[in-house]
Amino acid sequence: GEVAGAAAMAMMIVYTSAGVRVLHAVLSWALQRR
């Protein structure tokens, strides 16, 4: 019944996944050039 806490943990997963995707885009760009 702790739905707010569940939402917060789910958003931490989203934030982490999004951050990794951004890192992936940067690394892909760097690798493409190098």
PDB file of all heavy atoms in Angstrom:
ATOM      1  N   GLY A   1       0.792  -1.224   0.000  1.00  0.00           N
ATOM      2  CA  GLY A   1       0.000   0.000   0.000  1.00  0.00           C
ATOM      3  C   GLY A   1       0.820   1.268   0.000  1.00  0.00           C
ATOM      4  O   GLY A   1       0.253   2.371   0.079  1.00  0.00           O
ATOM      5  N   GLU A   2       2.125   1.161  -0.090  1.00  0.00           N
ATOM      6  CA  GLU A   2       3.004   2.339  -0.118  1.00  0.00           C
ATOM      7  C   GLU A   2       3.215   2.758  -1.574  1.00  0.00           C
ATOM      8  O   GLU A   2       4.305   2.631  -2.138  1.00  0.00           O
ATOM      9  CB  GLU A   2       4.345   2.021   0.552  1.00  0.00           C
ATOM     10  CG  GLU A   2       4.230   1.522   1.976  1.00  0.00           C
ATOM     11  CD  GLU A   2       3.742   2.611   2.936  1.00  0.00           C
ATOM     12  OE1 GLU A   2       3.633   3.782   2.501  1.00  0.00           O
ATOM     13  OE2 GLU A   2       3.489   2.287   4.098  1.00  0.00           O
ATOM     14  N   VAL A   3       2.160   3.279  -2.194  1.00  0.00           N
ATOM     15  CA  VAL A   3       2.196   3.564  -3.625  1.00  0.00           C
ATOM     16  C   VAL A   3       3.133   4.725  -3.937  1.00  0.00           C
ATOM     17  O   VAL A   3       3.819   4.733  -4.960  1.00  0.00           O
ATOM     18  CB  VAL A   3       0.776   3.859  -4.158  1.00  0.00           C
ATOM     19  CG1 VAL A   3       0.796   4.025  -5.681  1.00  0.00           C
ATOM     20  CG2 VAL A   3      -0.177   2.735  -3.776  1.00  0.00           C
ATOM     21  N   ALA A   4       3.189   5.711  -3.049  1.00  0.00           N
ATOM     22  CA  ALA A   4       4.078   6.851  -3.277  1.00  0.00           C
ATOM     23  C   ALA A   4       5.544   6.407  -3.287  1.00  0.00           C
ATOM     24  O   ALA A   4       6.336   6.827  -4.133  1.00  0.00           O
ATOM     25  CB  ALA A   4       3.854   7.918  -2.214  1.00  0.00           C
ATOM     26  N   GLY A   5       5.904   5.546  -2.345  1.00  0.00           N
ATOM     27  CA  GLY A   5       7.262   5.017  -2.330  1.00  0.00           C
ATOM     28  C   GLY A   5       7.553   4.171  -3.557  1.00  0.00           C
ATOM     29  O   GLY A   5       8.656   4.219  -4.111  1.00  0.00           O
ATOM     30  N   ALA A   6       6.549   3.403  -3.997  1.00  0.00           N
ATOM     31  CA  ALA A   6       6.720   2.601  -5.213  1.00  0.00           C
ATOM     32  C   ALA A   6       6.942   3.495  -6.424  1.00  0.00           C
ATOM     33  O   ALA A   6       7.791   3.209  -7.282  1.00  0.00           O
ATOM     34  CB  ALA A   6       5.495   1.712  -5.427  1.00  0.00           C
ATOM     35  N   ALA A   7       6.173   4.587  -6.489  1.00  0.00           N
ATOM     36  CA  ALA A   7       6.344   5.534  -7.594  1.00  0.00           C
ATOM     37  C   ALA A   7       7.736   6.155  -7.567  1.00  0.00           C
ATOM     38  O   ALA A   7       8.379   6.343  -8.609  1.00  0.00           O
ATOM     39  CB  ALA A   7       5.274   6.620  -7.532  1.00  0.00           C
ATOM     40  N   ALA A   8       8.223   6.477  -6.378  1.00  0.00           N
ATOM     41  CA  ALA A   8       9.552   7.081  -6.259  1.00  0.00           C
ATOM     42  C   ALA A   8      10.647   6.117  -6.711  1.00  0.00           C
ATOM     43  O   ALA A   8      11.569   6.501  -7.437  1.00  0.00           O
ATOM     44  CB  ALA A   8       9.795   7.515  -4.812  1.00  0.00           C
ATOM     45  N   MET A   9      10.544   4.846  -6.307  1.00  0.00           N
ATOM     46  CA  MET A   9      11.554   3.869  -6.727  1.00  0.00           C
ATOM     47  C   MET A   9      11.472   3.626  -8.234  1.00  0.00           C
ATOM     48  O   MET A   9      12.516   3.501  -8.903  1.00  0.00           O
ATOM     49  CB  MET A   9      11.354   2.551  -5.982  1.00  0.00           C
ATOM     50  CG  MET A   9      12.413   1.497  -6.300  1.00  0.00           C
ATOM     51  SD  MET A   9      14.080   1.935  -5.735  1.00  0.00           S
ATOM     52  CE  MET A   9      13.986   1.393  -4.014  1.00  0.00           C
ATOM     53  N   ALA A  10      10.252   3.582  -8.778  1.00  0.00           N
ATOM     54  CA  ALA A  10      10.103   3.421 -10.230  1.00  0.00           C
ATOM     55  C   ALA A  10      10.730   4.592 -10.976  1.00  0.00           C
ATOM     56  O   ALA A  10      11.352   4.414 -12.031  1.00  0.00           O
ATOM     57  CB  ALA A  10       8.624   3.284 -10.593  1.00  0.00           C
ATOM     58  N   MET A  11      10.576   5.797 -10.433  1.00  0.00           N
ATOM     59  CA  MET A  11      11.177   6.964 -11.088  1.00  0.00           C
ATOM     60  C   MET A  11      12.698   6.937 -10.988  1.00  0.00           C
ATOM     61  O   MET A  11      13.385   7.411 -11.892  1.00  0.00           O
ATOM     62  CB  MET A  11      10.641   8.252 -10.471  1.00  0.00           C
ATOM     63  CG  MET A  11       9.185   8.554 -10.833  1.00  0.00           C
ATOM     64  SD  MET A  11       8.863   8.512 -12.620  1.00  0.00           S
ATOM     65  CE  MET A  11      10.009   9.742 -13.232  1.00  0.00           C
ATOM     66  N   MET A  12      13.243   6.365  -9.927  1.00  0.00           N
ATOM     67  CA  MET A  12      14.701   6.223  -9.848  1.00  0.00           C
ATOM     68  C   MET A  12      15.206   5.309 -10.971  1.00  0.00           C
ATOM     69  O   MET A  12      16.274   5.551 -11.545  1.00  0.00           O
ATOM     70  CB  MET A  12      15.111   5.659  -8.485  1.00  0.00           C
ATOM     71  CG  MET A  12      15.001   6.642  -7.330  1.00  0.00           C
ATOM     72  SD  MET A  12      15.958   8.168  -7.596  1.00  0.00           S
ATOM     73  CE  MET A  12      17.593   7.514  -7.886  1.00  0.00           C
ATOM     74  N   ILE A  13      14.432   4.279 -11.274  1.00  0.00           N
ATOM     75  CA  ILE A  13      14.790   3.407 -12.396  1.00  0.00           C
ATOM     76  C   ILE A  13      14.752   4.195 -13.701  1.00  0.00           C
ATOM     77  O   ILE A  13      15.640   4.072 -14.547  1.00  0.00           O
ATOM     78  CB  ILE A  13      13.835   2.195 -12.462  1.00  0.00           C
ATOM     79  CG1 ILE A  13      13.989   1.333 -11.213  1.00  0.00           C
ATOM     80  CG2 ILE A  13      14.089   1.377 -13.722  1.00  0.00           C
ATOM     81  CD1 ILE A  13      13.003   0.181 -11.125  1.00  0.00           C
ATOM     82  N   VAL A  14      13.720   5.027 -13.868  1.00  0.00           N
ATOM     83  CA  VAL A  14      13.594   5.839 -15.086  1.00  0.00           C
ATOM     84  C   VAL A  14      14.759   6.813 -15.197  1.00  0.00           C
ATOM     85  O   VAL A  14      15.368   6.953 -16.273  1.00  0.00           O
ATOM     86  CB  VAL A  14      12.256   6.604 -15.084  1.00  0.00           C
ATOM     87  CG1 VAL A  14      12.199   7.589 -16.253  1.00  0.00           C
ATOM     88  CG2 VAL A  14      11.087   5.638 -15.172  1.00  0.00           C
ATOM     89  N   TYR A  15      15.072   7.502 -14.100  1.00  0.00           N
ATOM     90  CA  TYR A  15      16.166   8.483 -14.133  1.00  0.00           C
ATOM     91  C   TYR A  15      17.488   7.795 -14.491  1.00  0.00           C
ATOM     92  O   TYR A  15      18.287   8.320 -15.276  1.00  0.00           O
ATOM     93  CB  TYR A  15      16.299   9.175 -12.772  1.00  0.00           C
ATOM     94  CG  TYR A  15      15.092   9.981 -12.371  1.00  0.00           C
ATOM     95  CD1 TYR A  15      14.686  10.041 -11.034  1.00  0.00           C
ATOM     96  CD2 TYR A  15      14.335  10.667 -13.320  1.00  0.00           C
ATOM     97  CE1 TYR A  15      13.570  10.777 -10.651  1.00  0.00           C
ATOM     98  CE2 TYR A  15      13.217  11.407 -12.945  1.00  0.00           C
ATOM     99  CZ  TYR A  15      12.834  11.453 -11.609  1.00  0.00           C
ATOM    100  OH  TYR A  15      11.731  12.166 -11.239  1.00  0.00           O
ATOM    101  N   THR A  16      17.721   6.622 -13.923  1.00  0.00           N
ATOM    102  CA  THR A  16      18.960   5.902 -14.202  1.00  0.00           C
ATOM    103  C   THR A  16      19.015   5.450 -15.658  1.00  0.00           C
ATOM    104  O   THR A  16      20.040   5.602 -16.335  1.00  0.00           O
ATOM    105  CB  THR A  16      19.086   4.689 -13.272  1.00  0.00           C
ATOM    106  OG1 THR A  16      19.007   5.126 -11.915  1.00  0.00           O
ATOM    107  CG2 THR A  16      20.415   3.977 -13.492  1.00  0.00           C
ATOM    108  N   SER A  17      17.910   4.888 -16.141  1.00  0.00           N
ATOM    109  CA  SER A  17      17.860   4.424 -17.531  1.00  0.00           C
ATOM    110  C   SER A  17      18.050   5.581 -18.494  1.00  0.00           C
ATOM    111  O   SER A  17      18.770   5.462 -19.500  1.00  0.00           O
ATOM    112  CB  SER A  17      16.528   3.719 -17.797  1.00  0.00           C
ATOM    113  OG  SER A  17      16.360   2.602 -16.945  1.00  0.00           O
ATOM    114  N   ALA A  18      17.412   6.712 -18.196  1.00  0.00           N
ATOM    115  CA  ALA A  18      17.555   7.882 -19.063  1.00  0.00           C
ATOM    116  C   ALA A  18      18.989   8.397 -19.048  1.00  0.00           C
ATOM    117  O   ALA A  18      19.540   8.772 -20.091  1.00  0.00           O
ATOM    118  CB  ALA A  18      16.587   8.984 -18.618  1.00  0.00           C
ATOM    119  N   GLY A  19      19.605   8.436 -17.859  1.00  0.00           N
ATOM    120  CA  GLY A  19      20.993   8.887 -17.775  1.00  0.00           C
ATOM    121  C   GLY A  19      21.937   8.001 -18.564  1.00  0.00           C
ATOM    122  O   GLY A  19      22.851   8.485 -19.237  1.00  0.00           O
ATOM    123  N   VAL A  20      21.702   6.683 -18.498  1.00  0.00           N
ATOM    124  CA  VAL A  20      22.540   5.746 -19.254  1.00  0.00           C
ATOM    125  C   VAL A  20      22.327   5.932 -20.752  1.00  0.00           C
ATOM    126  O   VAL A  20      23.272   5.835 -21.548  1.00  0.00           O
ATOM    127  CB  VAL A  20      22.233   4.304 -18.818  1.00  0.00           C
ATOM    128  CG1 VAL A  20      22.903   3.302 -19.742  1.00  0.00           C
ATOM    129  CG2 VAL A  20      22.702   4.078 -17.391  1.00  0.00           C
ATOM    130  N   ARG A  21      21.084   6.201 -21.152  1.00  0.00           N
ATOM    131  CA  ARG A  21      20.812   6.451 -22.569  1.00  0.00           C
ATOM    132  C   ARG A  21      21.541   7.693 -23.061  1.00  0.00           C
ATOM    133  O   ARG A  21      22.072   7.715 -24.181  1.00  0.00           O
ATOM    134  CB  ARG A  21      19.303   6.615 -22.781  1.00  0.00           C
ATOM    135  CG  ARG A  21      18.515   5.332 -22.709  1.00  0.00           C
ATOM    136  CD  ARG A  21      18.686   4.523 -23.972  1.00  0.00           C
ATOM    137  NE  ARG A  21      17.801   3.370 -23.992  1.00  0.00           N
ATOM    138  CZ  ARG A  21      17.737   2.498 -24.975  1.00  0.00           C
ATOM    139  NH1 ARG A  21      18.526   2.648 -26.026  1.00  0.00           N
ATOM    140  NH2 ARG A  21      16.905   1.480 -24.916  1.00  0.00           N
ATOM    141  N   VAL A  22      21.565   8.725 -22.247  1.00  0.00           N
ATOM    142  CA  VAL A  22      22.292   9.945 -22.622  1.00  0.00           C
ATOM    143  C   VAL A  22      23.781   9.646 -22.735  1.00  0.00           C
ATOM    144  O   VAL A  22      24.453  10.080 -23.682  1.00  0.00           O
ATOM    145  CB  VAL A  22      22.031  11.067 -21.593  1.00  0.00           C
ATOM    146  CG1 VAL A  22      22.931  12.264 -21.859  1.00  0.00           C
ATOM    147  CG2 VAL A  22      20.567  11.498 -21.640  1.00  0.00           C
ATOM    148  N   LEU A  23      24.318   8.904 -21.753  1.00  0.00           N
ATOM    149  CA  LEU A  23      25.721   8.515 -21.809  1.00  0.00           C
ATOM    150  C   LEU A  23      26.003   7.691 -23.061  1.00  0.00           C
ATOM    151  O   LEU A  23      27.040   7.859 -23.713  1.00  0.00           O
ATOM    152  CB  LEU A  23      26.083   7.720 -20.557  1.00  0.00           C
ATOM    153  CG  LEU A  23      27.531   7.215 -20.454  1.00  0.00           C
ATOM    154  CD1 LEU A  23      28.508   8.379 -20.446  1.00  0.00           C
ATOM    155  CD2 LEU A  23      27.702   6.352 -19.207  1.00  0.00           C
ATOM    156  N   HIS A  24      25.084   6.823 -23.408  1.00  0.00           N
ATOM    157  CA  HIS A  24      25.222   6.016 -24.618  1.00  0.00           C
ATOM    158  C   HIS A  24      25.296   6.892 -25.853  1.00  0.00           C
ATOM    159  O   HIS A  24      26.119   6.651 -26.757  1.00  0.00           O
ATOM    160  CB  HIS A  24      24.047   5.045 -24.719  1.00  0.00           C
ATOM    161  CG  HIS A  24      23.943   4.340 -26.040  1.00  0.00           C
ATOM    162  ND1 HIS A  24      22.854   4.489 -26.870  1.00  0.00           N
ATOM    163  CD2 HIS A  24      24.798   3.511 -26.683  1.00  0.00           C
ATOM    164  CE1 HIS A  24      23.040   3.766 -27.964  1.00  0.00           C
ATOM    165  NE2 HIS A  24      24.206   3.163 -27.880  1.00  0.00           N
ATOM    166  N   ALA A  25      24.442   7.920 -25.919  1.00  0.00           N
ATOM    167  CA  ALA A  25      24.456   8.819 -27.072  1.00  0.00           C
ATOM    168  C   ALA A  25      25.800   9.547 -27.189  1.00  0.00           C
ATOM    169  O   ALA A  25      26.356   9.690 -28.284  1.00  0.00           O
ATOM    170  CB  ALA A  25      23.310   9.816 -26.966  1.00  0.00           C
ATOM    171  N   VAL A  26      26.335  10.004 -26.041  1.00  0.00           N
ATOM    172  CA  VAL A  26      27.617  10.711 -26.052  1.00  0.00           C
ATOM    173  C   VAL A  26      28.740   9.772 -26.477  1.00  0.00           C
ATOM    174  O   VAL A  26      29.592  10.116 -27.313  1.00  0.00           O
ATOM    175  CB  VAL A  26      27.900  11.319 -24.665  1.00  0.00           C
ATOM    176  CG1 VAL A  26      29.291  11.920 -24.612  1.00  0.00           C
ATOM    177  CG2 VAL A  26      26.849  12.373 -24.321  1.00  0.00           C
ATOM    178  N   LEU A  27      28.762   8.572 -25.901  1.00  0.00           N
ATOM    179  CA  LEU A  27      29.805   7.614 -26.254  1.00  0.00           C
ATOM    180  C   LEU A  27      29.710   7.195 -27.713  1.00  0.00           C
ATOM    181  O   LEU A  27      30.724   7.027 -28.392  1.00  0.00           O
ATOM    182  CB  LEU A  27      29.707   6.385 -25.354  1.00  0.00           C
ATOM    183  CG  LEU A  27      30.129   6.568 -23.891  1.00  0.00           C
ATOM    184  CD1 LEU A  27      29.895   5.292 -23.102  1.00  0.00           C
ATOM    185  CD2 LEU A  27      31.593   6.984 -23.801  1.00  0.00           C
ATOM    186  N   SER A  28      28.489   7.022 -28.215  1.00  0.00           N
ATOM    187  CA  SER A  28      28.308   6.650 -29.612  1.00  0.00           C
ATOM    188  C   SER A  28      28.852   7.742 -30.534  1.00  0.00           C
ATOM    189  O   SER A  28      29.510   7.448 -31.546  1.00  0.00           O
ATOM    190  CB  SER A  28      26.825   6.398 -29.909  1.00  0.00           C
ATOM    191  OG  SER A  28      26.346   5.301 -29.182  1.00  0.00           O
ATOM    192  N   TRP A  29      28.583   8.983 -30.171  1.00  0.00           N
ATOM    193  CA  TRP A  29      29.089  10.097 -30.973  1.00  0.00           C
ATOM    194  C   TRP A  29      30.621  10.121 -30.956  1.00  0.00           C
ATOM    195  O   TRP A  29      31.262  10.296 -32.001  1.00  0.00           O
ATOM    196  CB  TRP A  29      28.528  11.406 -30.440  1.00  0.00           C
ATOM    197  CG  TRP A  29      29.084  12.616 -31.118  1.00  0.00           C
ATOM    198  CD1 TRP A  29      28.698  13.142 -32.321  1.00  0.00           C
ATOM    199  CD2 TRP A  29      30.147  13.466 -30.638  1.00  0.00           C
ATOM    200  NE1 TRP A  29      29.432  14.258 -32.613  1.00  0.00           N
ATOM    201  CE2 TRP A  29      30.333  14.485 -31.603  1.00  0.00           C
ATOM    202  CE3 TRP A  29      30.926  13.467 -29.493  1.00  0.00           C
ATOM    203  CZ2 TRP A  29      31.283  15.487 -31.439  1.00  0.00           C
ATOM    204  CZ3 TRP A  29      31.875  14.461 -29.331  1.00  0.00           C
ATOM    205  CH2 TRP A  29      32.045  15.452 -30.303  1.00  0.00           C
ATOM    206  N   ALA A  30      31.203   9.906 -29.765  1.00  0.00           N
ATOM    207  CA  ALA A  30      32.661   9.918 -29.661  1.00  0.00           C
ATOM    208  C   ALA A  30      33.282   8.750 -30.425  1.00  0.00           C
ATOM    209  O   ALA A  30      34.280   8.910 -31.129  1.00  0.00           O
ATOM    210  CB  ALA A  30      33.076   9.875 -28.188  1.00  0.00           C
ATOM    211  N   LEU A  31      32.674   7.573 -30.296  1.00  0.00           N
ATOM    212  CA  LEU A  31      33.188   6.413 -31.012  1.00  0.00           C
ATOM    213  C   LEU A  31      33.039   6.571 -32.521  1.00  0.00           C
ATOM    214  O   LEU A  31      33.885   6.127 -33.287  1.00  0.00           O
ATOM    215  CB  LEU A  31      32.464   5.146 -30.543  1.00  0.00           C
ATOM    216  CG  LEU A  31      32.833   4.632 -29.148  1.00  0.00           C
ATOM    217  CD1 LEU A  31      31.918   3.482 -28.758  1.00  0.00           C
ATOM    218  CD2 LEU A  31      34.290   4.188 -29.112  1.00  0.00           C
ATOM    219  N   GLN A  32      31.949   7.196 -32.923  1.00  0.00           N
ATOM    220  CA  GLN A  32      31.733   7.412 -34.349  1.00  0.00           C
ATOM    221  C   GLN A  32      32.854   8.267 -34.932  1.00  0.00           C
ATOM    222  O   GLN A  32      33.337   8.012 -36.032  1.00  0.00           O
ATOM    223  CB  GLN A  32      30.369   8.086 -34.572  1.00  0.00           C
ATOM    224  CG  GLN A  32      29.868   8.048 -35.991  1.00  0.00           C
ATOM    225  CD  GLN A  32      29.319   6.686 -36.350  1.00  0.00           C
ATOM    226  OE1 GLN A  32      29.004   5.895 -35.483  1.00  0.00           O
ATOM    227  NE2 GLN A  32      29.229   6.410 -37.644  1.00  0.00           N
ATOM    228  N   ARG A  33      33.265   9.273 -34.192  1.00  0.00           N
ATOM    229  CA  ARG A  33      34.322  10.154 -34.668  1.00  0.00           C
ATOM    230  C   ARG A  33      35.696   9.486 -34.604  1.00  0.00           C
ATOM    231  O   ARG A  33      36.542   9.711 -35.477  1.00  0.00           O
ATOM    232  CB  ARG A  33      34.348  11.442 -33.830  1.00  0.00           C
ATOM    233  CG  ARG A  33      33.174  12.373 -34.094  1.00  0.00           C
ATOM    234  CD  ARG A  33      33.194  13.541 -33.111  1.00  0.00           C
ATOM    235  NE  ARG A  33      34.459  14.274 -33.164  1.00  0.00           N
ATOM    236  CZ  ARG A  33      34.702  15.293 -33.988  1.00  0.00           C
ATOM    237  NH1 ARG A  33      33.765  15.697 -34.822  1.00  0.00           N
ATOM    238  NH2 ARG A  33      35.868  15.915 -33.965  1.00  0.00           N
ATOM    239  N   ARG A  34      35.899   8.656 -33.578  1.00  0.00           N
ATOM    240  CA  ARG A  34      37.242   8.119 -33.353  1.00  0.00           C
ATOM    241  C   ARG A  34      37.511   6.824 -34.116  1.00  0.00           C
ATOM    242  O   ARG A  34      38.611   6.620 -34.648  1.00  0.00           O
ATOM    243  CB  ARG A  34      37.450   7.876 -31.852  1.00  0.00           C
ATOM    244  CG  ARG A  34      38.873   7.479 -31.492  1.00  0.00           C
ATOM    245  CD  ARG A  34      39.035   7.399 -29.985  1.00  0.00           C
ATOM    246  NE  ARG A  34      40.402   7.072 -29.611  1.00  0.00           N
ATOM    247  CZ  ARG A  34      41.396   7.924 -29.503  1.00  0.00           C
ATOM    248  NH1 ARG A  34      41.171   9.207 -29.757  1.00  0.00           N
ATOM    249  NH2 ARG A  34      42.606   7.540 -29.154  1.00  0.00           N
TER     250      ARG A  34
END
